[in-house]
Amino acid sequence: MAVAEIKEALRSATSTVSKYMGGVAVLHVETHTVETKTGQEPVLAARTVIALDGDNTAVVPAQQGESGKWEVDSPLYEVHMQNVQSAIEYRAKMVESMLSFLRMMAGGIQ
């Protein structure tokens, strides 16, 4: 492959990675519930938004008990947090794959 072709391939790959990285600046994880017997639409039960800079927002399922104390729906929260952790791990793998690809491409240009 000629140097010009390699450089163009690298530019194209860099553009693709750049677009992807722009999309990974914020990670959104939503967990919905649905009442299976009613056939109604799923309802948002928990949401977590994590920004690349570490800022995050979470909405978790809870209700106020008779004493006025807030109680988190633990089983649903645990499922949601498993989803969050899986999303974080997947995102990290994808970013590392992109960076490895760029390092490989950059190393091939002399």
C-alpha atoms as a PDB file:
ATOM      1  CA  MET A   1       0.000   0.000   0.000  1.00  0.00           C
ATOM      2  CA  ALA A   2       1.396   3.390  -0.947  1.00  0.00           C
ATOM      3  CA  VAL A   3       2.114   6.016   1.693  1.00  0.00           C
ATOM      4  CA  ALA A   4      -0.634   8.277   0.302  1.00  0.00           C
ATOM      5  CA  GLU A   5      -3.185   5.438   0.574  1.00  0.00           C
ATOM      6  CA  ILE A   6      -2.109   4.684   4.133  1.00  0.00           C
ATOM      7  CA  LYS A   7      -2.384   8.345   5.102  1.00  0.00           C
ATOM      8  CA  GLU A   8      -5.859   8.572   3.547  1.00  0.00           C
ATOM      9  CA  ALA A   9      -6.933   5.383   5.354  1.00  0.00           C
ATOM     10  CA  LEU A  10      -5.618   6.835   8.607  1.00  0.00           C
ATOM     11  CA  ARG A  11      -7.469  10.117   8.014  1.00  0.00           C
ATOM     12  CA  SER A  12     -10.663   8.193   7.320  1.00  0.00           C
ATOM     13  CA  ALA A  13     -10.198   6.018  10.401  1.00  0.00           C
ATOM     14  CA  THR A  14      -9.401   9.057  12.532  1.00  0.00           C
ATOM     15  CA  SER A  15     -12.564  10.766  11.314  1.00  0.00           C
ATOM     16  CA  THR A  16     -14.635   7.691  12.161  1.00  0.00           C
ATOM     17  CA  VAL A  17     -13.039   7.392  15.594  1.00  0.00           C
ATOM     18  CA  SER A  18     -13.532  11.105  16.219  1.00  0.00           C
ATOM     19  CA  LYS A  19     -17.250  10.812  15.440  1.00  0.00           C
ATOM     20  CA  TYR A  20     -17.488   7.775  17.723  1.00  0.00           C
ATOM     21  CA  MET A  21     -15.625   9.532  20.533  1.00  0.00           C
ATOM     22  CA  GLY A  22     -18.003  12.477  20.241  1.00  0.00           C
ATOM     23  CA  GLY A  23     -20.834  10.031  20.805  1.00  0.00           C
ATOM     24  CA  VAL A  24     -19.197   8.479  23.864  1.00  0.00           C
ATOM     25  CA  ALA A  25     -18.811  11.744  25.741  1.00  0.00           C
ATOM     26  CA  VAL A  26     -21.946  10.880  27.707  1.00  0.00           C
ATOM     27  CA  LEU A  27     -23.129   7.392  28.653  1.00  0.00           C
ATOM     28  CA  HIS A  28     -26.884   6.944  29.152  1.00  0.00           C
ATOM     29  CA  VAL A  29     -28.267   3.846  30.869  1.00  0.00           C
ATOM     30  CA  GLU A  30     -32.002   3.454  31.372  1.00  0.00           C
ATOM     31  CA  THR A  31     -33.883   0.615  33.014  1.00  0.00           C
ATOM     32  CA  HIS A  32     -37.590   0.253  32.290  1.00  0.00           C
ATOM     33  CA  THR A  33     -40.254  -1.889  33.879  1.00  0.00           C
ATOM     34  CA  VAL A  34     -43.353  -3.314  32.303  1.00  0.00           C
ATOM     35  CA  GLU A  35     -46.412  -4.939  33.803  1.00  0.00           C
ATOM     36  CA  THR A  36     -46.536  -8.117  31.738  1.00  0.00           C
ATOM     37  CA  LYS A  37     -50.226  -8.840  32.264  1.00  0.00           C
ATOM     38  CA  THR A  38     -51.495  -5.428  31.125  1.00  0.00           C
ATOM     39  CA  GLY A  39     -49.616  -5.053  27.852  1.00  0.00           C
ATOM     40  CA  GLN A  40     -48.885  -1.423  28.688  1.00  0.00           C
ATOM     41  CA  GLU A  41     -45.795   0.388  27.474  1.00  0.00           C
ATOM     42  CA  PRO A  42     -42.587   0.063  29.545  1.00  0.00           C
ATOM     43  CA  VAL A  43     -42.092   2.746  32.203  1.00  0.00           C
ATOM     44  CA  LEU A  44     -38.754   4.345  33.021  1.00  0.00           C
ATOM     45  CA  ALA A  45     -37.723   3.046  36.438  1.00  0.00           C
ATOM     46  CA  ALA A  46     -34.087   4.167  36.743  1.00  0.00           C
ATOM     47  CA  ARG A  47     -31.690   6.309  34.743  1.00  0.00           C
ATOM     48  CA  THR A  48     -27.975   6.993  35.025  1.00  0.00           C
ATOM     49  CA  VAL A  49     -26.073   9.503  32.916  1.00  0.00           C
ATOM     50  CA  ILE A  50     -22.274   9.511  33.132  1.00  0.00           C
ATOM     51  CA  ALA A  51     -20.209  12.172  31.392  1.00  0.00           C
ATOM     52  CA  LEU A  52     -16.669  11.545  30.202  1.00  0.00           C
ATOM     53  CA  ASP A  53     -15.425  14.118  32.728  1.00  0.00           C
ATOM     54  CA  GLY A  54     -16.836  11.989  35.569  1.00  0.00           C
ATOM     55  CA  ASP A  55     -19.975  14.018  36.273  1.00  0.00           C
ATOM     56  CA  ASN A  56     -23.014  11.815  36.681  1.00  0.00           C
ATOM     57  CA  THR A  57     -26.714  11.961  37.390  1.00  0.00           C
ATOM     58  CA  ALA A  58     -28.802   9.083  38.677  1.00  0.00           C
ATOM     59  CA  VAL A  59     -32.533   8.611  39.078  1.00  0.00           C
ATOM     60  CA  VAL A  60     -33.342   5.531  41.147  1.00  0.00           C
ATOM     61  CA  PRO A  61     -36.615   3.833  42.062  1.00  0.00           C
ATOM     62  CA  ALA A  62     -37.687   4.778  45.579  1.00  0.00           C
ATOM     63  CA  GLN A  63     -40.743   5.522  47.614  1.00  0.00           C
ATOM     64  CA  GLN A  64     -41.357   7.355  50.818  1.00  0.00           C
ATOM     65  CA  GLY A  65     -42.294   5.057  53.664  1.00  0.00           C
ATOM     66  CA  GLU A  66     -44.843   5.774  56.364  1.00  0.00           C
ATOM     67  CA  SER A  67     -42.120   7.252  58.576  1.00  0.00           C
ATOM     68  CA  GLY A  68     -41.201   9.705  55.815  1.00  0.00           C
ATOM     69  CA  LYS A  69     -37.887   7.983  55.137  1.00  0.00           C
ATOM     70  CA  TRP A  70     -37.035   7.269  51.473  1.00  0.00           C
ATOM     71  CA  GLU A  71     -36.576   3.590  50.626  1.00  0.00           C
ATOM     72  CA  VAL A  72     -34.843   2.471  47.430  1.00  0.00           C
ATOM     73  CA  ASP A  73     -36.325  -0.469  45.530  1.00  0.00           C
ATOM     74  CA  SER A  74     -33.226  -2.606  46.073  1.00  0.00           C
ATOM     75  CA  PRO A  75     -33.834  -5.443  43.577  1.00  0.00           C
ATOM     76  CA  LEU A  76     -34.618  -3.027  40.752  1.00  0.00           C
ATOM     77  CA  TYR A  77     -31.696  -0.797  41.739  1.00  0.00           C
ATOM     78  CA  GLU A  78     -29.335  -3.797  41.656  1.00  0.00           C
ATOM     79  CA  VAL A  79     -30.494  -4.736  38.149  1.00  0.00           C
ATOM     80  CA  HIS A  80     -30.004  -1.146  37.024  1.00  0.00           C
ATOM     81  CA  MET A  81     -26.508  -0.961  38.530  1.00  0.00           C
ATOM     82  CA  GLN A  82     -25.566  -4.208  36.749  1.00  0.00           C
ATOM     83  CA  ASN A  83     -26.681  -2.550  33.512  1.00  0.00           C
ATOM     84  CA  VAL A  84     -24.608   0.544  34.336  1.00  0.00           C
ATOM     85  CA  GLN A  85     -21.511  -1.544  35.070  1.00  0.00           C
ATOM     86  CA  SER A  86     -21.946  -3.556  31.861  1.00  0.00           C
ATOM     87  CA  ALA A  87     -22.309  -0.338  29.848  1.00  0.00           C
ATOM     88  CA  ILE A  88     -19.174   1.150  31.433  1.00  0.00           C
ATOM     89  CA  GLU A  89     -17.163  -2.005  30.708  1.00  0.00           C
ATOM     90  CA  TYR A  90     -18.401  -2.162  27.114  1.00  0.00           C
ATOM     91  CA  ARG A  91     -17.634   1.513  26.547  1.00  0.00           C
ATOM     92  CA  ALA A  92     -14.114   1.058  27.952  1.00  0.00           C
ATOM     93  CA  LYS A  93     -13.478  -1.902  25.635  1.00  0.00           C
ATOM     94  CA  MET A  94     -14.716   0.023  22.609  1.00  0.00           C
ATOM     95  CA  VAL A  95     -12.581   3.079  23.401  1.00  0.00           C
ATOM     96  CA  GLU A  96      -9.508   0.888  23.963  1.00  0.00           C
ATOM     97  CA  SER A  97     -10.140  -0.915  20.663  1.00  0.00           C
ATOM     98  CA  MET A  98     -10.367   2.404  18.845  1.00  0.00           C
ATOM     99  CA  LEU A  99      -7.177   3.681  20.470  1.00  0.00           C
ATOM    100  CA  SER A 100      -5.346   0.431  19.662  1.00  0.00           C
ATOM    101  CA  PHE A 101      -6.459   0.710  16.057  1.00  0.00           C
ATOM    102  CA  LEU A 102      -5.208   4.290  15.840  1.00  0.00           C
ATOM    103  CA  ARG A 103      -1.860   3.319  17.404  1.00  0.00           C
ATOM    104  CA  MET A 104      -1.532   0.474  14.906  1.00  0.00           C
ATOM    105  CA  MET A 105      -2.377   2.746  11.975  1.00  0.00           C
ATOM    106  CA  ALA A 106      -0.024   5.470  13.169  1.00  0.00           C
ATOM    107  CA  GLY A 107       2.764   2.927  13.614  1.00  0.00           C
ATOM    108  CA  GLY A 108       2.332   1.741  10.008  1.00  0.00           C
ATOM    109  CA  ILE A 109       3.103   5.161   8.539  1.00  0.00           C
ATOM    110  CA  GLN A 110       6.767   5.817   7.985  1.00  0.00           C
END
